[in-house]
Structures are given as C-alpha cells and as structure tokens.
C-alpha cells in the first residue's frame, strides 16, 4: 500500500482521523433523567476537511480534480473529546486515471 500513498494528486494533504465525541440524545414523551447515562461516546473516522471553534468536518471521499467532498459529516466542536490522527497524509481520489 505504501507506494500508492505517495501518488497523491491533491495539492493539500488531508489527515485521516478518528474523532471521539459525545452524542446528543432526545427522548419522546415523559421519561426519567439518568445522569449516569450522560455520555454516549461516538467514534467517527474520515478525512479531515476542516476544524474550527464550531465544527469538525470529516468526509469519506475527496475528489481532488473538482475539490468536491463525499459523505460530509459535521460534528459540533463542543461535543468533541479528542481527535486522533491515524494517517497524516491520506490520498485523494483522482478521476483522470
């Protein structure tokens, strides 16, 4: 796999990351509040599109020729617990080959 990673066509490198975040929850109707169930931890993996004080945005695909993203996922930054870099320079899709 290593030789393929060296043939990136995108001018910008995109890290492949794992975002650990706390999920939001809503119940319907009347229910009891259970503070012990406050942190449903989620793990979302993808290419890091951007990160700011409002959102961490991930995608599953980047088409470099058109600078289009597939499968965008916006995670509210206030819910993020941690971001781990799994691969510092992930390859982008290239439709010219």
N, C-alpha and C. Protein backbone atom coordinates (compact mmCIF):
# COMPACT_ATOMS: atom_id res chain seq x y z
N UNK A 1 0.81 -1.21 0.00
CA UNK A 1 0.00 0.00 0.00
C UNK A 1 0.84 1.27 0.00
N UNK A 2 2.01 1.20 0.55
CA UNK A 2 2.85 2.39 0.71
C UNK A 2 3.11 3.13 -0.60
N UNK A 3 3.44 2.48 -1.72
CA UNK A 3 3.66 3.23 -2.95
C UNK A 3 2.43 4.02 -3.41
N UNK A 4 1.23 3.50 -3.18
CA UNK A 4 0.01 4.20 -3.58
C UNK A 4 -0.13 5.52 -2.82
N UNK A 5 0.21 5.52 -1.53
CA UNK A 5 0.06 6.72 -0.72
C UNK A 5 0.98 7.83 -1.19
N UNK A 6 2.02 7.53 -1.89
CA UNK A 6 2.95 8.54 -2.35
C UNK A 6 2.51 9.18 -3.68
N UNK A 7 1.40 8.70 -4.27
CA UNK A 7 0.96 9.24 -5.54
C UNK A 7 -0.28 10.12 -5.38
N UNK A 8 -0.32 10.92 -4.34
CA UNK A 8 -1.46 11.80 -4.13
C UNK A 8 -1.53 12.84 -5.23
N UNK A 9 -2.73 13.18 -5.65
CA UNK A 9 -2.89 14.17 -6.69
C UNK A 9 -3.34 15.51 -6.14
N UNK A 10 -3.77 15.58 -4.91
CA UNK A 10 -4.27 16.82 -4.32
C UNK A 10 -3.10 17.67 -3.83
N UNK A 11 -3.24 18.98 -3.99
CA UNK A 11 -2.18 19.88 -3.58
C UNK A 11 -2.13 20.06 -2.06
N UNK A 12 -3.21 19.75 -1.38
CA UNK A 12 -3.28 19.89 0.07
C UNK A 12 -3.36 18.50 0.68
N UNK A 13 -2.67 18.27 1.77
CA UNK A 13 -2.74 16.96 2.42
C UNK A 13 -3.93 16.94 3.38
N UNK A 14 -4.57 15.80 3.45
CA UNK A 14 -5.73 15.62 4.32
C UNK A 14 -5.45 14.47 5.27
N UNK A 15 -5.38 14.75 6.56
CA UNK A 15 -5.16 13.66 7.50
C UNK A 15 -6.41 12.78 7.62
N UNK A 16 -6.18 11.50 7.82
CA UNK A 16 -7.24 10.56 8.16
C UNK A 16 -7.31 10.53 9.67
N UNK A 17 -8.48 10.82 10.24
CA UNK A 17 -8.59 10.99 11.69
C UNK A 17 -9.71 10.15 12.28
N UNK A 18 -9.64 10.00 13.59
CA UNK A 18 -10.71 9.42 14.39
C UNK A 18 -11.14 10.51 15.37
N UNK A 19 -12.41 10.90 15.31
CA UNK A 19 -12.94 11.91 16.24
C UNK A 19 -13.77 11.19 17.30
N UNK A 20 -13.40 11.41 18.55
CA UNK A 20 -14.14 10.87 19.70
C UNK A 20 -15.03 12.00 20.19
N UNK A 21 -16.36 11.76 20.23
CA UNK A 21 -17.28 12.83 20.60
C UNK A 21 -18.48 12.29 21.36
N UNK A 22 -19.13 13.20 22.09
CA UNK A 22 -20.31 12.85 22.89
C UNK A 22 -21.55 13.09 22.04
N UNK A 23 -22.36 12.06 21.91
CA UNK A 23 -23.57 12.13 21.10
C UNK A 23 -24.68 12.87 21.84
N UNK A 24 -25.50 13.59 21.09
CA UNK A 24 -26.70 14.22 21.64
C UNK A 24 -27.82 13.19 21.68
N UNK A 25 -28.77 13.41 22.56
CA UNK A 25 -29.86 12.44 22.70
C UNK A 25 -31.16 13.16 23.00
N UNK A 26 -32.25 12.59 22.51
CA UNK A 26 -33.58 13.11 22.81
C UNK A 26 -34.51 11.94 23.00
N UNK A 27 -35.40 12.06 23.98
CA UNK A 27 -36.41 11.02 24.18
C UNK A 27 -37.77 11.60 23.80
N UNK A 28 -38.68 10.73 23.45
CA UNK A 28 -40.05 11.19 23.17
C UNK A 28 -40.92 10.89 24.39
N UNK A 29 -41.84 11.75 24.64
CA UNK A 29 -42.75 11.54 25.77
C UNK A 29 -42.06 11.82 27.10
N UNK A 30 -42.67 11.35 28.16
CA UNK A 30 -42.15 11.56 29.51
C UNK A 30 -41.11 10.49 29.85
N UNK A 31 -40.05 10.91 30.53
CA UNK A 31 -39.02 9.94 30.93
C UNK A 31 -38.28 10.47 32.15
N UNK A 32 -37.60 9.59 32.82
CA UNK A 32 -36.77 9.94 33.98
C UNK A 32 -35.39 10.34 33.50
N UNK A 33 -34.79 11.31 34.19
CA UNK A 33 -33.42 11.72 33.85
C UNK A 33 -32.45 10.81 34.58
N UNK A 34 -31.50 10.23 33.84
CA UNK A 34 -30.49 9.35 34.42
C UNK A 34 -29.11 9.94 34.15
N UNK A 35 -28.53 10.67 35.13
CA UNK A 35 -27.22 11.31 34.92
C UNK A 35 -26.09 10.32 34.61
N UNK A 36 -26.25 9.06 35.00
CA UNK A 36 -25.19 8.07 34.73
C UNK A 36 -25.13 7.73 33.24
N UNK A 37 -26.13 8.15 32.47
CA UNK A 37 -26.19 7.84 31.05
C UNK A 37 -25.93 9.08 30.20
N UNK A 38 -25.13 10.02 30.72
CA UNK A 38 -24.93 11.30 30.05
C UNK A 38 -23.93 11.29 28.91
N UNK A 39 -23.05 10.32 28.85
CA UNK A 39 -22.01 10.36 27.82
C UNK A 39 -22.01 9.12 26.96
N UNK A 40 -22.77 9.18 25.87
CA UNK A 40 -22.69 8.15 24.85
C UNK A 40 -21.56 8.56 23.92
N UNK A 41 -20.43 7.87 24.02
CA UNK A 41 -19.24 8.22 23.25
C UNK A 41 -19.33 7.60 21.86
N UNK A 42 -19.11 8.44 20.86
CA UNK A 42 -19.12 8.02 19.47
C UNK A 42 -17.71 8.15 18.90
N UNK A 43 -17.40 7.34 17.89
CA UNK A 43 -16.13 7.41 17.17
C UNK A 43 -16.46 7.52 15.68
N UNK A 44 -16.01 8.60 15.06
CA UNK A 44 -16.24 8.81 13.64
C UNK A 44 -14.90 8.95 12.95
N UNK A 45 -14.73 8.22 11.84
CA UNK A 45 -13.47 8.19 11.10
C UNK A 45 -13.65 8.87 9.75
N UNK A 46 -12.62 9.60 9.30
CA UNK A 46 -12.71 10.20 7.98
C UNK A 46 -11.57 11.14 7.68
N UNK A 47 -11.62 11.72 6.48
CA UNK A 47 -10.64 12.73 6.08
C UNK A 47 -11.02 14.04 6.74
N UNK A 48 -10.05 14.72 7.33
CA UNK A 48 -10.32 16.00 7.98
C UNK A 48 -10.45 17.08 6.92
N UNK A 49 -11.66 17.61 6.75
CA UNK A 49 -11.93 18.67 5.79
C UNK A 49 -11.55 20.01 6.39
N UNK A 50 -12.06 20.27 7.60
CA UNK A 50 -11.73 21.49 8.32
C UNK A 50 -12.11 21.35 9.78
N UNK A 51 -11.53 22.23 10.59
CA UNK A 51 -11.80 22.24 12.03
C UNK A 51 -11.77 23.70 12.47
N UNK A 52 -12.80 24.13 13.20
CA UNK A 52 -12.82 25.47 13.77
C UNK A 52 -13.52 25.41 15.12
N UNK A 53 -13.85 26.55 15.70
CA UNK A 53 -14.46 26.53 17.03
C UNK A 53 -15.94 26.17 17.00
N UNK A 54 -16.51 25.90 15.81
CA UNK A 54 -17.92 25.50 15.70
C UNK A 54 -18.09 24.03 15.31
N UNK A 55 -17.26 23.56 14.37
CA UNK A 55 -17.43 22.20 13.85
C UNK A 55 -16.10 21.54 13.54
N UNK A 56 -16.10 20.22 13.59
CA UNK A 56 -15.08 19.39 12.96
C UNK A 56 -15.80 18.72 11.80
N UNK A 57 -15.27 18.92 10.59
CA UNK A 57 -15.94 18.40 9.40
C UNK A 57 -15.07 17.30 8.80
N UNK A 58 -15.67 16.11 8.63
CA UNK A 58 -15.00 14.96 8.04
C UNK A 58 -15.71 14.57 6.75
N UNK A 59 -14.99 13.87 5.89
CA UNK A 59 -15.57 13.32 4.67
C UNK A 59 -15.02 11.92 4.45
N UNK A 60 -15.76 11.12 3.67
CA UNK A 60 -15.25 9.78 3.37
C UNK A 60 -14.50 9.74 2.04
N UNK A 61 -14.68 10.78 1.20
CA UNK A 61 -14.03 10.81 -0.11
C UNK A 61 -13.71 12.25 -0.49
N UNK A 62 -12.56 12.45 -1.16
CA UNK A 62 -12.24 13.77 -1.70
C UNK A 62 -11.87 13.60 -3.17
N UNK A 63 -12.62 14.27 -4.03
CA UNK A 63 -12.35 14.26 -5.46
C UNK A 63 -11.51 15.50 -5.75
N UNK A 64 -10.21 15.31 -5.89
CA UNK A 64 -9.28 16.44 -5.96
C UNK A 64 -9.47 17.29 -7.21
N UNK A 65 -9.82 16.70 -8.33
CA UNK A 65 -9.95 17.45 -9.58
C UNK A 65 -11.02 18.54 -9.48
N UNK A 66 -12.11 18.25 -8.78
CA UNK A 66 -13.21 19.20 -8.66
C UNK A 66 -13.29 19.83 -7.28
N UNK A 67 -12.41 19.42 -6.39
CA UNK A 67 -12.45 19.83 -4.98
C UNK A 67 -13.84 19.60 -4.39
N UNK A 68 -14.38 18.41 -4.61
CA UNK A 68 -15.67 18.02 -4.06
C UNK A 68 -15.47 16.94 -3.02
N UNK A 69 -16.33 16.97 -2.01
CA UNK A 69 -16.25 16.03 -0.89
C UNK A 69 -17.45 15.10 -0.91
N UNK A 70 -17.23 13.85 -0.58
CA UNK A 70 -18.31 12.87 -0.46
C UNK A 70 -18.53 12.50 0.99
N UNK A 71 -19.78 12.38 1.38
CA UNK A 71 -20.11 11.92 2.72
C UNK A 71 -19.68 12.88 3.82
N UNK A 72 -20.01 14.16 3.69
CA UNK A 72 -19.62 15.13 4.72
C UNK A 72 -20.33 14.85 6.04
N UNK A 73 -19.59 15.01 7.11
CA UNK A 73 -20.10 14.78 8.46
C UNK A 73 -19.65 15.94 9.34
N UNK A 74 -20.58 16.76 9.83
CA UNK A 74 -20.26 17.89 10.70
C UNK A 74 -20.53 17.51 12.15
N UNK A 75 -19.50 17.59 12.97
CA UNK A 75 -19.62 17.28 14.38
C UNK A 75 -19.45 18.58 15.16
N UNK A 76 -20.42 18.95 16.00
CA UNK A 76 -20.27 20.18 16.79
C UNK A 76 -19.00 20.12 17.65
N UNK A 77 -18.20 21.18 17.56
CA UNK A 77 -16.90 21.17 18.24
C UNK A 77 -17.04 21.03 19.76
N UNK A 78 -18.11 21.56 20.33
CA UNK A 78 -18.32 21.44 21.77
C UNK A 78 -18.53 20.00 22.23
N UNK A 79 -18.87 19.10 21.32
CA UNK A 79 -19.08 17.69 21.65
C UNK A 79 -17.81 16.86 21.51
N UNK A 80 -16.77 17.43 20.90
CA UNK A 80 -15.55 16.68 20.61
C UNK A 80 -14.71 16.51 21.87
N UNK A 81 -14.33 15.26 22.15
CA UNK A 81 -13.46 14.94 23.28
C UNK A 81 -12.00 14.83 22.85
N UNK A 82 -11.78 14.29 21.63
CA UNK A 82 -10.41 14.03 21.18
C UNK A 82 -10.40 13.81 19.67
N UNK A 83 -9.28 14.16 19.04
CA UNK A 83 -9.08 13.88 17.63
C UNK A 83 -7.72 13.20 17.49
N UNK A 84 -7.74 11.95 17.02
CA UNK A 84 -6.51 11.20 16.80
C UNK A 84 -6.20 11.16 15.31
N UNK A 85 -4.96 11.48 14.95
CA UNK A 85 -4.52 11.39 13.56
C UNK A 85 -4.07 9.96 13.30
N UNK A 86 -4.74 9.27 12.40
CA UNK A 86 -4.41 7.88 12.07
C UNK A 86 -3.40 7.80 10.94
N UNK A 87 -3.49 8.75 10.00
CA UNK A 87 -2.58 8.81 8.85
C UNK A 87 -2.45 10.29 8.50
N UNK A 88 -1.23 10.80 8.52
CA UNK A 88 -1.04 12.25 8.35
C UNK A 88 -1.32 12.74 6.92
N UNK A 89 -1.12 11.91 5.93
CA UNK A 89 -1.35 12.30 4.54
C UNK A 89 -2.10 11.21 3.79
N UNK A 90 -3.42 11.30 3.81
CA UNK A 90 -4.24 10.31 3.11
C UNK A 90 -4.39 10.71 1.63
N UNK A 91 -4.43 9.73 0.73
CA UNK A 91 -4.55 10.05 -0.70
C UNK A 91 -5.96 10.50 -1.04
N UNK A 92 -6.05 11.30 -2.10
CA UNK A 92 -7.35 11.77 -2.62
C UNK A 92 -7.69 10.97 -3.87
N UNK A 93 -8.97 10.97 -4.21
CA UNK A 93 -9.42 10.30 -5.42
C UNK A 93 -8.98 11.10 -6.65
N UNK A 94 -8.66 10.38 -7.70
CA UNK A 94 -8.23 11.01 -8.95
C UNK A 94 -8.99 10.38 -10.09
N UNK A 95 -9.85 11.14 -10.75
CA UNK A 95 -10.68 10.59 -11.83
C UNK A 95 -9.96 10.59 -13.18
N UNK A 96 -8.74 11.13 -13.21
CA UNK A 96 -8.03 11.19 -14.50
C UNK A 96 -7.35 9.87 -14.85
N UNK A 97 -7.30 8.93 -13.90
CA UNK A 97 -6.64 7.64 -14.17
C UNK A 97 -7.64 6.57 -14.43
